[in-house]
Amino acid sequence: MDFFRRIRRSRATLIPSTGHSQDDQLLGIIGGTVGGLVSPREWIHYVYCDSADGAATLEAAAIVDGWEVRRVSQGEGIIATRMDLPVNPITVPEVRKFFMEAASRVKGGEYDGWEAAT
């Protein structure tokens, strides 16, 4: 049993840090799934704002960047999804930065994080 624990621990250390502990934790989980960190998978991001105008701005930016978008109830944010990207230590910081910057450009904008299919 101790042997398998050491293997699991060493696998986790092979994944470079993104600089965000929650992202790193999720990547550790994803890294242990079929397809790991190299295969594209469903990836969902949540961004909120104060108005329908803000949601329209977020939606337009996400669509231009290749994301499929659904509006949150009452137009106060978006849920953006892609299925053509791997979720890994390279893509996660880039996409987090993209959505955080988009959120910073609208009133009440807030990036609430992501989830991915396992």
C-alpha atoms as a PDB file:
ATOM      1  CA  MET A   1       0.000   0.000   0.000  1.00  0.00           C
ATOM      2  CA  ASP A   2       2.798   2.411   0.837  1.00  0.00           C
ATOM      3  CA  PHE A   3       4.200   1.881  -2.666  1.00  0.00           C
ATOM      4  CA  PHE A   4       0.981   3.132  -4.311  1.00  0.00           C
ATOM      5  CA  ARG A   5       0.814   6.146  -2.015  1.00  0.00           C
ATOM      6  CA  ARG A   6       4.340   7.129  -3.080  1.00  0.00           C
ATOM      7  CA  ILE A   7       3.391   6.780  -6.749  1.00  0.00           C
ATOM      8  CA  ARG A   8       0.320   8.984  -6.281  1.00  0.00           C
ATOM      9  CA  ARG A   9       2.363  11.594  -4.442  1.00  0.00           C
ATOM     10  CA  SER A  10       5.072  11.651  -7.109  1.00  0.00           C
ATOM     11  CA  ARG A  11       2.469  12.046  -9.895  1.00  0.00           C
ATOM     12  CA  ALA A  12       1.020  15.087  -8.138  1.00  0.00           C
ATOM     13  CA  THR A  13       4.430  16.748  -7.950  1.00  0.00           C
ATOM     14  CA  LEU A  14       4.925  16.386 -11.707  1.00  0.00           C
ATOM     15  CA  ILE A  15       2.122  18.864 -12.456  1.00  0.00           C
ATOM     16  CA  PRO A  16       3.544  22.412 -12.505  1.00  0.00           C
ATOM     17  CA  SER A  17       1.780  24.969 -10.332  1.00  0.00           C
ATOM     18  CA  THR A  18      -0.514  27.509 -11.961  1.00  0.00           C
ATOM     19  CA  GLY A  19      -0.019  29.917  -9.072  1.00  0.00           C
ATOM     20  CA  HIS A  20      -3.599  29.330  -7.916  1.00  0.00           C
ATOM     21  CA  SER A  21      -4.060  26.589  -5.317  1.00  0.00           C
ATOM     22  CA  GLN A  22      -7.644  25.674  -6.270  1.00  0.00           C
ATOM     23  CA  ASP A  23      -6.661  25.375  -9.935  1.00  0.00           C
ATOM     24  CA  ASP A  24      -3.719  23.180  -8.948  1.00  0.00           C
ATOM     25  CA  GLN A  25      -5.997  20.956  -6.877  1.00  0.00           C
ATOM     26  CA  LEU A  26      -8.439  20.511  -9.766  1.00  0.00           C
ATOM     27  CA  LEU A  27      -5.588  19.810 -12.186  1.00  0.00           C
ATOM     28  CA  GLY A  28      -4.341  17.104  -9.845  1.00  0.00           C
ATOM     29  CA  ILE A  29      -7.744  15.429 -10.103  1.00  0.00           C
ATOM     30  CA  ILE A  30      -7.975  15.893 -13.874  1.00  0.00           C
ATOM     31  CA  GLY A  31      -4.432  14.573 -14.304  1.00  0.00           C
ATOM     32  CA  GLY A  32      -5.554  11.242 -12.897  1.00  0.00           C
ATOM     33  CA  THR A  33      -8.454  10.783 -15.317  1.00  0.00           C
ATOM     34  CA  VAL A  34      -8.612   9.179 -18.752  1.00  0.00           C
ATOM     35  CA  GLY A  35      -7.135  11.714 -21.166  1.00  0.00           C
ATOM     36  CA  GLY A  36      -5.421  13.491 -18.304  1.00  0.00           C
ATOM     37  CA  LEU A  37      -4.065  16.931 -19.015  1.00  0.00           C
ATOM     38  CA  VAL A  38      -3.620  16.467 -22.770  1.00  0.00           C
ATOM     39  CA  SER A  39      -7.047  15.558 -24.150  1.00  0.00           C
ATOM     40  CA  PRO A  40      -9.718  18.185 -24.783  1.00  0.00           C
ATOM     41  CA  ARG A  41     -12.678  18.032 -22.406  1.00  0.00           C
ATOM     42  CA  GLU A  42     -15.745  20.064 -21.479  1.00  0.00           C
ATOM     43  CA  TRP A  43     -14.608  23.179 -19.609  1.00  0.00           C
ATOM     44  CA  ILE A  44     -17.057  25.619 -18.021  1.00  0.00           C
ATOM     45  CA  HIS A  45     -16.357  29.122 -16.646  1.00  0.00           C
ATOM     46  CA  TYR A  46     -18.640  31.366 -14.597  1.00  0.00           C
ATOM     47  CA  VAL A  47     -18.526  35.169 -14.847  1.00  0.00           C
ATOM     48  CA  TYR A  48     -21.029  37.494 -13.172  1.00  0.00           C
ATOM     49  CA  CYS A  49     -21.873  41.192 -13.431  1.00  0.00           C
ATOM     50  CA  ASP A  50     -24.485  43.772 -12.403  1.00  0.00           C
ATOM     51  CA  SER A  51     -26.443  44.260 -15.616  1.00  0.00           C
ATOM     52  CA  ALA A  52     -27.631  42.877 -18.916  1.00  0.00           C
ATOM     53  CA  ASP A  53     -25.315  45.351 -20.678  1.00  0.00           C
ATOM     54  CA  GLY A  54     -22.356  43.930 -18.778  1.00  0.00           C
ATOM     55  CA  ALA A  55     -23.463  40.408 -19.636  1.00  0.00           C
ATOM     56  CA  ALA A  56     -23.649  41.380 -23.315  1.00  0.00           C
ATOM     57  CA  THR A  57     -20.067  42.681 -23.142  1.00  0.00           C
ATOM     58  CA  LEU A  58     -18.878  39.477 -21.448  1.00  0.00           C
ATOM     59  CA  GLU A  59     -20.786  37.359 -23.946  1.00  0.00           C
ATOM     60  CA  ALA A  60     -19.296  39.150 -26.955  1.00  0.00           C
ATOM     61  CA  ALA A  61     -15.731  38.805 -25.642  1.00  0.00           C
ATOM     62  CA  ALA A  62     -16.179  35.102 -24.894  1.00  0.00           C
ATOM     63  CA  ILE A  63     -17.745  34.335 -28.280  1.00  0.00           C
ATOM     64  CA  VAL A  64     -14.909  36.089 -30.125  1.00  0.00           C
ATOM     65  CA  ASP A  65     -12.478  33.913 -28.145  1.00  0.00           C
ATOM     66  CA  GLY A  66     -14.281  30.716 -29.224  1.00  0.00           C
ATOM     67  CA  TRP A  67     -16.506  30.020 -26.199  1.00  0.00           C
ATOM     68  CA  GLU A  68     -20.146  28.928 -26.351  1.00  0.00           C
ATOM     69  CA  VAL A  69     -22.117  31.172 -24.015  1.00  0.00           C
ATOM     70  CA  ARG A  70     -25.328  30.992 -22.006  1.00  0.00           C
ATOM     71  CA  ARG A  71     -26.644  33.973 -20.083  1.00  0.00           C
ATOM     72  CA  VAL A  72     -27.199  33.670 -16.361  1.00  0.00           C
ATOM     73  CA  SER A  73     -30.726  34.312 -15.096  1.00  0.00           C
ATOM     74  CA  GLN A  74     -31.804  37.939 -15.607  1.00  0.00           C
ATOM     75  CA  GLY A  75     -28.772  38.618 -17.797  1.00  0.00           C
ATOM     76  CA  GLU A  76     -26.382  39.174 -14.909  1.00  0.00           C
ATOM     77  CA  GLY A  77     -23.469  37.147 -16.193  1.00  0.00           C
ATOM     78  CA  ILE A  78     -22.477  34.278 -18.428  1.00  0.00           C
ATOM     79  CA  ILE A  79     -21.599  30.622 -18.370  1.00  0.00           C
ATOM     80  CA  ALA A  80     -18.964  29.952 -21.029  1.00  0.00           C
ATOM     81  CA  THR A  81     -18.191  26.452 -22.313  1.00  0.00           C
ATOM     82  CA  ARG A  82     -15.627  24.907 -24.638  1.00  0.00           C
ATOM     83  CA  MET A  83     -14.953  21.295 -25.499  1.00  0.00           C
ATOM     84  CA  ASP A  84     -11.911  21.680 -27.746  1.00  0.00           C
ATOM     85  CA  LEU A  85      -9.187  22.590 -25.245  1.00  0.00           C
ATOM     86  CA  PRO A  86      -7.133  20.504 -22.856  1.00  0.00           C
ATOM     87  CA  VAL A  87      -7.332  21.667 -19.247  1.00  0.00           C
ATOM     88  CA  ASN A  88      -3.727  21.863 -18.077  1.00  0.00           C
ATOM     89  CA  PRO A  89      -1.152  24.098 -16.337  1.00  0.00           C
ATOM     90  CA  ILE A  90      -0.689  26.109 -19.534  1.00  0.00           C
ATOM     91  CA  THR A  91      -4.311  26.703 -20.552  1.00  0.00           C
ATOM     92  CA  VAL A  92      -5.742  27.265 -17.062  1.00  0.00           C
ATOM     93  CA  PRO A  93      -3.775  30.450 -16.206  1.00  0.00           C
ATOM     94  CA  GLU A  94      -4.334  31.857 -19.710  1.00  0.00           C
ATOM     95  CA  VAL A  95      -8.086  31.296 -19.597  1.00  0.00           C
ATOM     96  CA  ARG A  96      -8.380  32.470 -15.971  1.00  0.00           C
ATOM     97  CA  LYS A  97      -6.592  35.700 -16.967  1.00  0.00           C
ATOM     98  CA  PHE A  98      -8.879  36.140 -19.990  1.00  0.00           C
ATOM     99  CA  PHE A  99     -12.075  35.866 -17.922  1.00  0.00           C
ATOM    100  CA  MET A 100     -10.731  37.933 -15.016  1.00  0.00           C
ATOM    101  CA  GLU A 101      -9.793  40.726 -17.420  1.00  0.00           C
ATOM    102  CA  ALA A 102     -13.194  40.509 -19.127  1.00  0.00           C
ATOM    103  CA  ALA A 103     -14.912  40.722 -15.728  1.00  0.00           C
ATOM    104  CA  SER A 104     -12.802  43.740 -14.748  1.00  0.00           C
ATOM    105  CA  ARG A 105     -14.160  45.671 -17.738  1.00  0.00           C
ATOM    106  CA  VAL A 106     -17.829  45.522 -16.685  1.00  0.00           C
ATOM    107  CA  LYS A 107     -19.664  47.001 -13.715  1.00  0.00           C
ATOM    108  CA  GLY A 108     -19.811  44.504 -10.867  1.00  0.00           C
ATOM    109  CA  GLY A 109     -17.806  41.994 -12.890  1.00  0.00           C
ATOM    110  CA  GLU A 110     -16.618  38.927 -11.010  1.00  0.00           C
ATOM    111  CA  TYR A 111     -14.931  35.790 -12.267  1.00  0.00           C
ATOM    112  CA  ASP A 112     -16.283  32.923 -10.159  1.00  0.00           C
ATOM    113  CA  GLY A 113     -14.098  30.072 -11.412  1.00  0.00           C
ATOM    114  CA  TRP A 114     -14.365  26.959 -13.517  1.00  0.00           C
ATOM    115  CA  GLU A 115     -15.118  23.275 -13.619  1.00  0.00           C
ATOM    116  CA  ALA A 116     -14.247  20.559 -16.098  1.00  0.00           C
ATOM    117  CA  ALA A 117     -15.586  17.163 -17.032  1.00  0.00           C
ATOM    118  CA  THR A 118     -13.734  14.257 -15.509  1.00  0.00           C
END
